[in-house]
């Protein structure tokens, strides 16, 4: 059992504890495992559960595989069209953990009160961390997972969902993306649903390529979503509210296609990695996502759209000490070199946050 002070937006310092599963899982972070299993029990999509547990899809998948290999039994069951569900053992572990936490919560309460009293002066002196809600991106996910001294909390949200949350004060900064082919009036019409010129500014960060994620060698010779429909292939879709889902729907409309013409349109995943993993596992013939995700799973990629990814925030946030530190980290050489090294990415020229209507201006 270990104690720690938590200072994220009103969460009181508390005692934390974790399970020791013995020598079989001796080097496994069981707190991460339990967070992931609990999220899977509440949802059913590995991508969403991984995001809820604060890890990338790849890390979540690797953690489950390592544990299952060590134990010799499955913790989760993946089924086409039904997402991911807990096995009997996985469900039993989650139920045991929940019951134990209820009992221990009572025993911990007096000690947590003493901890809060002890740390109250320190906690009050520490500034709150910025809340960043961002559309899923592989470069950002890798940077967050492996970066040092990250001084903000990031939550993966679809672009539309995140932008709407900014207006409700549910976050301080939003990461979003739009196609570079958009005209200015199209951009203003879309972002104007949530942003005000007098209140918000944008920081263009990078370009990235989205397209069809297919089996290695593109065996079906796909060149567009229309090919997917004509050949009756199985697709895996992104979740509603994500910028990529909106892009997919726009491409379907441009090709005169109805969603019901796409086998698997209702099969949703929450991250680019989850899309690529689904295709790699043979649970779909094609997905739509970024090139870097396809390359990570040794898959084929058909480029279709270049888009611009960046951040929007209030002017007051951009001018704050925390906001300036956030912008400086993203503008630093470490992150830019990461972009250059990843396929399908290009860093944009450095500039200060400016008018969001000029987001697509070079």
Protein backbone atom coordinates (compact mmCIF):
# COMPACT_ATOMS: atom_id res chain seq x y z
CA UNK A 1 0.00 0.00 0.00
CA UNK A 2 1.30 3.45 -0.82
CA UNK A 3 0.05 6.98 -0.21
CA UNK A 4 0.16 9.87 -2.62
CA UNK A 5 -1.17 13.40 -2.89
CA UNK A 6 -3.52 13.91 -5.82
CA UNK A 7 -4.04 17.51 -6.93
CA UNK A 8 -6.01 17.26 -10.18
CA UNK A 9 -8.91 19.70 -10.07
CA UNK A 10 -10.39 19.15 -6.66
CA UNK A 11 -9.52 15.48 -6.16
CA UNK A 12 -8.46 15.13 -2.52
CA UNK A 13 -5.25 13.38 -1.47
CA UNK A 14 -6.02 9.74 -0.83
CA UNK A 15 -4.49 6.37 0.01
CA UNK A 16 -3.94 4.06 -2.93
CA UNK A 17 -3.38 0.32 -2.81
CA UNK A 18 -2.71 -2.40 -5.34
CA UNK A 19 -2.83 -6.18 -5.59
CA UNK A 20 0.17 -8.48 -5.57
CA UNK A 21 -0.64 -11.47 -7.78
CA UNK A 22 2.54 -13.27 -6.81
CA UNK A 23 5.56 -14.35 -8.88
CA UNK A 24 3.62 -15.01 -12.09
CA UNK A 25 2.82 -11.30 -12.45
CA UNK A 26 5.67 -10.00 -10.35
CA UNK A 27 6.76 -7.31 -12.81
CA UNK A 28 3.24 -6.24 -13.85
CA UNK A 29 1.75 -2.92 -12.75
CA UNK A 30 -1.45 -4.40 -11.32
CA UNK A 31 -3.05 -0.98 -10.77
CA UNK A 32 -2.92 -0.37 -14.53
CA UNK A 33 -4.25 -3.87 -15.17
CA UNK A 34 -7.20 -3.39 -12.81
CA UNK A 35 -8.00 0.03 -14.29
CA UNK A 36 -8.04 -1.49 -17.77
CA UNK A 37 -10.15 -4.52 -16.79
CA UNK A 38 -12.62 -2.33 -14.91
CA UNK A 39 -12.99 0.00 -17.92
CA UNK A 40 -13.51 -3.00 -20.21
CA UNK A 41 -16.21 -4.31 -17.90
CA UNK A 42 -18.03 -0.98 -18.13
CA UNK A 43 -17.67 -0.55 -21.89
CA UNK A 44 -16.65 -3.25 -24.31
CA UNK A 45 -14.27 -1.47 -26.70
CA UNK A 46 -10.57 -1.90 -25.98
CA UNK A 47 -9.70 1.48 -27.46
CA UNK A 48 -12.12 3.32 -25.18
CA UNK A 49 -11.02 1.29 -22.15
CA UNK A 50 -7.36 2.01 -22.87
CA UNK A 51 -8.07 5.73 -23.10
CA UNK A 52 -10.05 5.61 -19.86
CA UNK A 53 -7.14 3.83 -18.15
CA UNK A 54 -4.68 6.44 -19.44
CA UNK A 55 -2.72 4.25 -21.84
CA UNK A 56 -2.40 3.73 -25.58
CA UNK A 57 -4.19 0.91 -27.37
CA UNK A 58 -0.86 -0.76 -28.05
CA UNK A 59 0.16 -0.63 -24.40
CA UNK A 60 -3.22 -1.96 -23.28
CA UNK A 61 -3.08 -4.83 -25.76
CA UNK A 62 0.49 -5.64 -24.72
CA UNK A 63 -0.40 -5.58 -21.01
CA UNK A 64 -3.29 -8.01 -21.52
CA UNK A 65 -1.18 -10.35 -23.62
CA UNK A 66 1.67 -10.41 -21.09
CA UNK A 67 -0.71 -11.16 -18.22
CA UNK A 68 -2.56 -13.86 -20.14
CA UNK A 69 0.69 -15.55 -21.17
CA UNK A 70 1.93 -15.50 -17.57
CA UNK A 71 -1.34 -16.84 -16.15
CA UNK A 72 -2.04 -19.28 -18.95
CA UNK A 73 -5.70 -18.21 -19.18
CA UNK A 74 -7.62 -15.46 -20.99
CA UNK A 75 -8.64 -12.27 -19.20
CA UNK A 76 -10.67 -10.88 -22.11
CA UNK A 77 -12.53 -12.28 -25.09
CA UNK A 78 -12.61 -10.40 -28.41
CA UNK A 79 -15.51 -11.13 -30.77
CA UNK A 80 -16.30 -9.57 -34.11
CA UNK A 81 -19.21 -7.17 -33.86
CA UNK A 82 -19.37 -7.42 -30.07
CA UNK A 83 -16.16 -5.66 -29.10
CA UNK A 84 -14.14 -6.93 -26.15
CA UNK A 85 -15.63 -8.50 -23.03
CA UNK A 86 -14.15 -9.87 -19.85
CA UNK A 87 -13.57 -13.59 -19.48
CA UNK A 88 -14.88 -15.38 -16.40
CA UNK A 89 -11.53 -14.85 -14.67
CA UNK A 90 -11.31 -11.20 -15.73
CA UNK A 91 -14.81 -10.49 -14.44
CA UNK A 92 -14.10 -12.27 -11.16
CA UNK A 93 -10.96 -10.20 -10.59
CA UNK A 94 -12.86 -6.94 -11.21
CA UNK A 95 -15.65 -8.00 -8.83
CA UNK A 96 -13.11 -8.96 -6.17
CA UNK A 97 -11.33 -5.63 -6.54
CA UNK A 98 -14.57 -3.66 -6.30
CA UNK A 99 -15.69 -5.51 -3.18
CA UNK A 100 -12.30 -5.06 -1.54
CA UNK A 101 -12.29 -1.33 -2.26
CA UNK A 102 -15.68 -0.90 -0.60
CA UNK A 103 -14.43 -2.58 2.55
CA UNK A 104 -11.04 -0.89 2.60
CA UNK A 105 -12.61 2.51 1.91
CA UNK A 106 -14.09 2.48 5.40
CA UNK A 107 -10.78 1.45 6.98
CA UNK A 108 -8.83 4.02 4.98
CA UNK A 109 -11.09 6.99 5.72
CA UNK A 110 -9.42 8.13 9.01
CA UNK A 111 -5.96 7.88 7.48
CA UNK A 112 -7.01 9.77 4.36
CA UNK A 113 -8.35 12.59 6.54
CA UNK A 114 -5.01 12.79 8.35
CA UNK A 115 -3.17 12.78 5.00
CA UNK A 116 -5.34 15.63 3.68
CA UNK A 117 -4.69 17.67 6.81
CA UNK A 118 -0.95 17.02 6.55
CA UNK A 119 -0.70 17.94 2.84
CA UNK A 120 -3.29 20.73 2.73
CA UNK A 121 -0.74 23.59 2.79
CA UNK A 122 1.32 21.99 0.01
CA UNK A 123 -1.65 21.07 -2.17
CA UNK A 124 -3.08 24.58 -2.00
CA UNK A 125 0.25 26.01 -3.13
CA UNK A 126 0.47 23.87 -6.28
CA UNK A 127 -1.28 25.25 -9.40
CA UNK A 128 -3.87 23.12 -11.12
CA UNK A 129 -2.84 21.15 -14.19
CA UNK A 130 -4.30 22.05 -17.55
CA UNK A 131 -7.06 19.78 -18.81
CA UNK A 132 -6.44 18.86 -22.45
CA UNK A 133 -9.19 17.08 -24.41
CA UNK A 134 -7.82 15.93 -27.75
CA UNK A 135 -8.84 13.92 -30.77
CA UNK A 136 -6.76 10.75 -30.74
CA UNK A 137 -3.35 11.04 -32.38
CA UNK A 138 -0.51 8.54 -32.38
CA UNK A 139 2.31 11.07 -32.13
CA UNK A 140 0.68 12.76 -29.15
CA UNK A 141 -0.09 9.41 -27.50
CA UNK A 142 3.54 8.28 -27.77
CA UNK A 143 4.78 11.63 -26.50
CA UNK A 144 2.45 11.57 -23.49
CA UNK A 145 3.26 7.96 -22.62
CA UNK A 146 7.03 8.27 -22.90
CA UNK A 147 7.61 11.97 -22.29
CA UNK A 148 9.12 13.36 -19.12
CA UNK A 149 7.74 16.12 -16.96
CA UNK A 150 4.31 16.25 -18.66
CA UNK A 151 2.49 18.98 -16.75
CA UNK A 152 -1.06 18.53 -17.99
CA UNK A 153 -3.83 15.92 -18.01
CA UNK A 154 -4.89 14.61 -21.41
CA UNK A 155 -8.19 12.90 -22.24
CA UNK A 156 -8.96 11.43 -25.67
CA UNK A 157 -12.20 12.85 -27.06
CA UNK A 158 -13.62 13.19 -30.55
CA UNK A 159 -12.99 16.61 -32.11
CA UNK A 160 -16.65 17.66 -31.95
CA UNK A 161 -17.07 16.36 -28.41
CA UNK A 162 -13.90 18.10 -27.23
CA UNK A 163 -14.76 21.44 -28.85
CA UNK A 164 -18.22 21.34 -27.29
CA UNK A 165 -16.62 20.57 -23.93
CA UNK A 166 -14.45 23.67 -24.16
CA UNK A 167 -17.58 25.82 -24.17
CA UNK A 168 -18.87 23.98 -21.09
CA UNK A 169 -15.57 24.56 -19.25
CA UNK A 170 -14.91 20.83 -19.13
CA UNK A 171 -11.38 21.37 -20.46
CA UNK A 172 -8.83 24.15 -20.98
CA UNK A 173 -7.30 23.15 -24.33
CA UNK A 174 -8.68 21.10 -27.23
CA UNK A 175 -6.81 19.12 -29.88
CA UNK A 176 -8.73 18.82 -33.16
CA UNK A 177 -8.18 18.23 -36.87
CA UNK A 178 -9.78 19.29 -40.15
CA UNK A 179 -9.03 18.49 -43.83
CA UNK A 180 -6.59 20.90 -45.45
CA UNK A 181 -8.81 21.00 -48.55
CA UNK A 182 -11.52 22.86 -46.65
CA UNK A 183 -12.35 26.38 -47.80
CA UNK A 184 -12.22 29.19 -45.25
CA UNK A 185 -16.00 29.53 -45.07
CA UNK A 186 -16.30 25.78 -44.44
CA UNK A 187 -13.77 26.01 -41.61
CA UNK A 188 -15.43 29.06 -40.07
CA UNK A 189 -18.87 27.49 -40.36
CA UNK A 190 -17.68 24.35 -38.57
CA UNK A 191 -15.58 25.88 -35.78
CA UNK A 192 -17.97 28.80 -35.34
CA UNK A 193 -20.42 26.43 -33.67
CA UNK A 194 -18.17 26.47 -30.59
CA UNK A 195 -15.55 29.21 -30.89
CA UNK A 196 -15.66 32.99 -30.64
CA UNK A 197 -13.09 35.24 -32.37
CA UNK A 198 -12.81 37.46 -29.30
CA UNK A 199 -12.27 34.57 -26.90
CA UNK A 200 -10.36 31.73 -28.57
CA UNK A 201 -7.06 31.27 -30.43
CA UNK A 202 -5.62 28.33 -32.37
CA UNK A 203 -2.15 26.81 -32.56
CA UNK A 204 -1.59 24.80 -35.80
CA UNK A 205 0.80 21.98 -34.92
CA UNK A 206 1.21 19.40 -37.67
CA UNK A 207 -0.02 17.81 -40.87
CA UNK A 208 -0.93 14.15 -41.05
CA UNK A 209 -2.20 11.79 -43.73
CA UNK A 210 -5.38 9.73 -43.35
CA UNK A 211 -6.57 6.98 -45.63
CA UNK A 212 -7.49 3.32 -45.94
CA UNK A 213 -5.73 0.87 -43.63
CA UNK A 214 -5.62 -2.47 -45.42
CA UNK A 215 -3.77 -5.77 -45.33
CA UNK A 216 -0.13 -5.63 -46.37
CA UNK A 217 0.21 -5.29 -50.12
CA UNK A 218 -3.39 -4.02 -50.49
CA UNK A 219 -4.61 -7.41 -51.84
CA UNK A 220 -8.06 -6.06 -52.78
CA UNK A 221 -6.47 -3.20 -54.77
CA UNK A 222 -8.52 -0.56 -52.98
CA UNK A 223 -8.27 3.08 -54.00
CA UNK A 224 -11.35 4.61 -52.32
CA UNK A 225 -14.24 3.93 -49.97
CA UNK A 226 -16.35 3.30 -53.05
CA UNK A 227 -14.17 0.26 -53.81
CA UNK A 228 -14.87 -1.07 -50.32
CA UNK A 229 -18.62 -0.84 -50.90
CA UNK A 230 -18.54 -2.30 -54.41
CA UNK A 231 -16.58 -5.35 -53.29
CA UNK A 232 -18.63 -5.96 -50.15
CA UNK A 233 -15.61 -5.82 -47.85
CA UNK A 234 -15.84 -5.54 -44.08
CA UNK A 235 -14.85 -2.17 -42.64
CA UNK A 236 -14.21 -0.96 -39.10
CA UNK A 237 -15.46 2.55 -38.34
CA UNK A 238 -14.51 5.29 -35.89
CA UNK A 239 -16.90 6.33 -33.12
CA UNK A 240 -19.53 9.05 -33.50
CA UNK A 241 -18.33 12.50 -32.51
CA UNK A 242 -14.77 11.93 -33.71
CA UNK A 243 -13.27 14.09 -36.44
CA UNK A 244 -12.28 10.99 -38.40
CA UNK A 245 -15.87 9.70 -38.32
CA UNK A 246 -17.04 13.04 -39.76
CA UNK A 247 -14.38 12.75 -42.45
CA UNK A 248 -15.49 9.21 -43.32
CA UNK A 249 -19.11 10.35 -43.62
CA UNK A 250 -18.06 13.25 -45.86
CA UNK A 251 -16.14 10.88 -48.15
CA UNK A 252 -19.09 8.50 -48.30
CA UNK A 253 -21.41 11.36 -49.29
CA UNK A 254 -18.92 12.59 -51.91
CA UNK A 255 -18.95 9.10 -53.45
CA UNK A 256 -22.75 8.91 -53.35
CA UNK A 257 -22.67 6.10 -50.78
CA UNK A 258 -25.12 5.41 -47.98
CA UNK A 259 -23.76 4.19 -44.62
CA UNK A 260 -25.90 1.04 -44.84
CA UNK A 261 -24.01 0.07 -48.00
CA UNK A 262 -20.85 -0.42 -45.92
CA UNK A 263 -20.56 -3.77 -44.17
CA UNK A 264 -19.22 -2.98 -40.70
CA UNK A 265 -20.22 0.70 -40.61
CA UNK A 266 -21.65 0.11 -37.12
CA UNK A 267 -18.43 -1.61 -35.94
CA UNK A 268 -16.78 1.27 -34.06
CA UNK A 269 -13.37 1.72 -32.44
CA UNK A 270 -12.03 4.72 -30.53
CA UNK A 271 -8.43 5.16 -31.70
CA UNK A 272 -6.30 4.87 -34.83
CA UNK A 273 -4.35 2.05 -33.19
CA UNK A 274 -7.55 0.16 -32.47
CA UNK A 275 -8.54 0.46 -36.15
CA UNK A 276 -5.19 -0.89 -37.31
CA UNK A 277 -5.24 -3.70 -34.73
CA UNK A 278 -8.71 -4.77 -35.88
CA UNK A 279 -7.53 -5.05 -39.49
CA UNK A 280 -4.32 -6.81 -38.43
CA UNK A 281 -6.37 -9.36 -36.46
CA UNK A 282 -8.48 -10.14 -39.54
CA UNK A 283 -11.67 -8.84 -37.93
CA UNK A 284 -12.10 -6.30 -40.76
CA UNK A 285 -10.77 -5.97 -44.31
CA UNK A 286 -10.31 -2.21 -44.18
CA UNK A 287 -10.33 0.68 -41.74
CA UNK A 288 -9.78 4.41 -41.98
CA UNK A 289 -7.00 6.10 -40.06
CA UNK A 290 -3.54 7.61 -40.10
CA UNK A 291 -0.57 6.16 -41.97
CA UNK A 292 1.55 5.79 -38.83
CA UNK A 293 -1.00 3.37 -37.31
CA UNK A 294 -0.92 1.21 -40.45
CA UNK A 295 2.89 1.12 -40.43
CA UNK A 296 3.00 0.23 -36.74
CA UNK A 297 1.01 -2.93 -37.43
CA UNK A 298 2.86 -3.74 -40.66
CA UNK A 299 -0.22 -3.07 -42.78
CA UNK A 300 -0.83 -1.46 -46.15
CA UNK A 301 -2.02 2.14 -46.50
CA UNK A 302 -3.89 4.02 -49.23
CA UNK A 303 -3.51 7.81 -48.73
CA UNK A 304 -6.69 9.82 -49.26
CA UNK A 305 -6.66 13.04 -47.21
CA UNK A 306 -4.09 15.38 -45.72
CA UNK A 307 -5.37 17.21 -42.70
CA UNK A 308 -4.16 19.76 -40.19
CA UNK A 309 -4.03 19.03 -36.48
CA UNK A 310 -3.72 21.70 -33.81
CA UNK A 311 -4.98 23.09 -30.52
CA UNK A 312 -7.54 25.70 -29.59
CA UNK A 313 -7.76 27.49 -26.24
CA UNK A 314 -8.98 30.68 -24.66
CA UNK A 315 -6.73 33.70 -25.03
CA UNK A 316 -6.42 33.83 -21.25
CA UNK A 317 -5.17 30.24 -21.21
CA UNK A 318 -2.61 30.94 -23.93
CA UNK A 319 -1.31 33.92 -21.93
CA UNK A 320 -1.07 32.02 -18.62
CA UNK A 321 2.13 30.50 -17.25
CA UNK A 322 0.70 27.00 -17.69
CA UNK A 323 -0.49 27.74 -21.22
CA UNK A 324 2.89 29.13 -22.27
CA UNK A 325 4.62 26.05 -20.84
CA UNK A 326 2.27 23.77 -22.80
CA UNK A 327 2.93 25.65 -26.05
CA UNK A 328 6.69 25.63 -25.43
CA UNK A 329 6.73 21.86 -24.94
CA UNK A 330 4.86 21.25 -28.21
CA UNK A 331 7.14 23.69 -30.03
CA UNK A 332 10.27 22.03 -28.68
CA UNK A 333 12.70 19.98 -30.71
CA UNK A 334 11.85 16.67 -28.97
CA UNK A 335 8.26 16.59 -30.19
CA UNK A 336 9.09 17.97 -33.64
CA UNK A 337 11.75 15.32 -34.18
CA UNK A 338 9.22 12.67 -33.17
CA UNK A 339 6.89 13.97 -35.90
CA UNK A 340 9.61 13.90 -38.53
CA UNK A 341 10.42 10.29 -37.67
CA UNK A 342 6.82 9.05 -37.98
CA UNK A 343 5.36 8.16 -41.41
CA UNK A 344 2.55 10.38 -42.63
CA UNK A 345 3.41 13.35 -40.40
CA UNK A 346 4.91 16.78 -41.09
CA UNK A 347 5.49 19.50 -38.47
CA UNK A 348 4.10 22.91 -39.34
CA UNK A 349 6.18 26.12 -39.12
CA UNK A 350 6.34 27.44 -35.57
CA UNK A 351 4.11 30.38 -34.79
CA UNK A 352 2.24 31.90 -31.87
CA UNK A 353 -1.43 31.06 -31.30
CA UNK A 354 -3.60 33.19 -33.55
CA UNK A 355 -7.08 33.61 -35.03
CA UNK A 356 -8.83 30.29 -35.48
CA UNK A 357 -10.29 31.45 -38.80
CA UNK A 358 -6.71 31.35 -40.11
CA UNK A 359 -6.04 27.83 -38.91
CA UNK A 360 -5.50 26.51 -42.45
CA UNK A 361 -3.31 29.40 -43.58
CA UNK A 362 0.23 28.18 -44.30
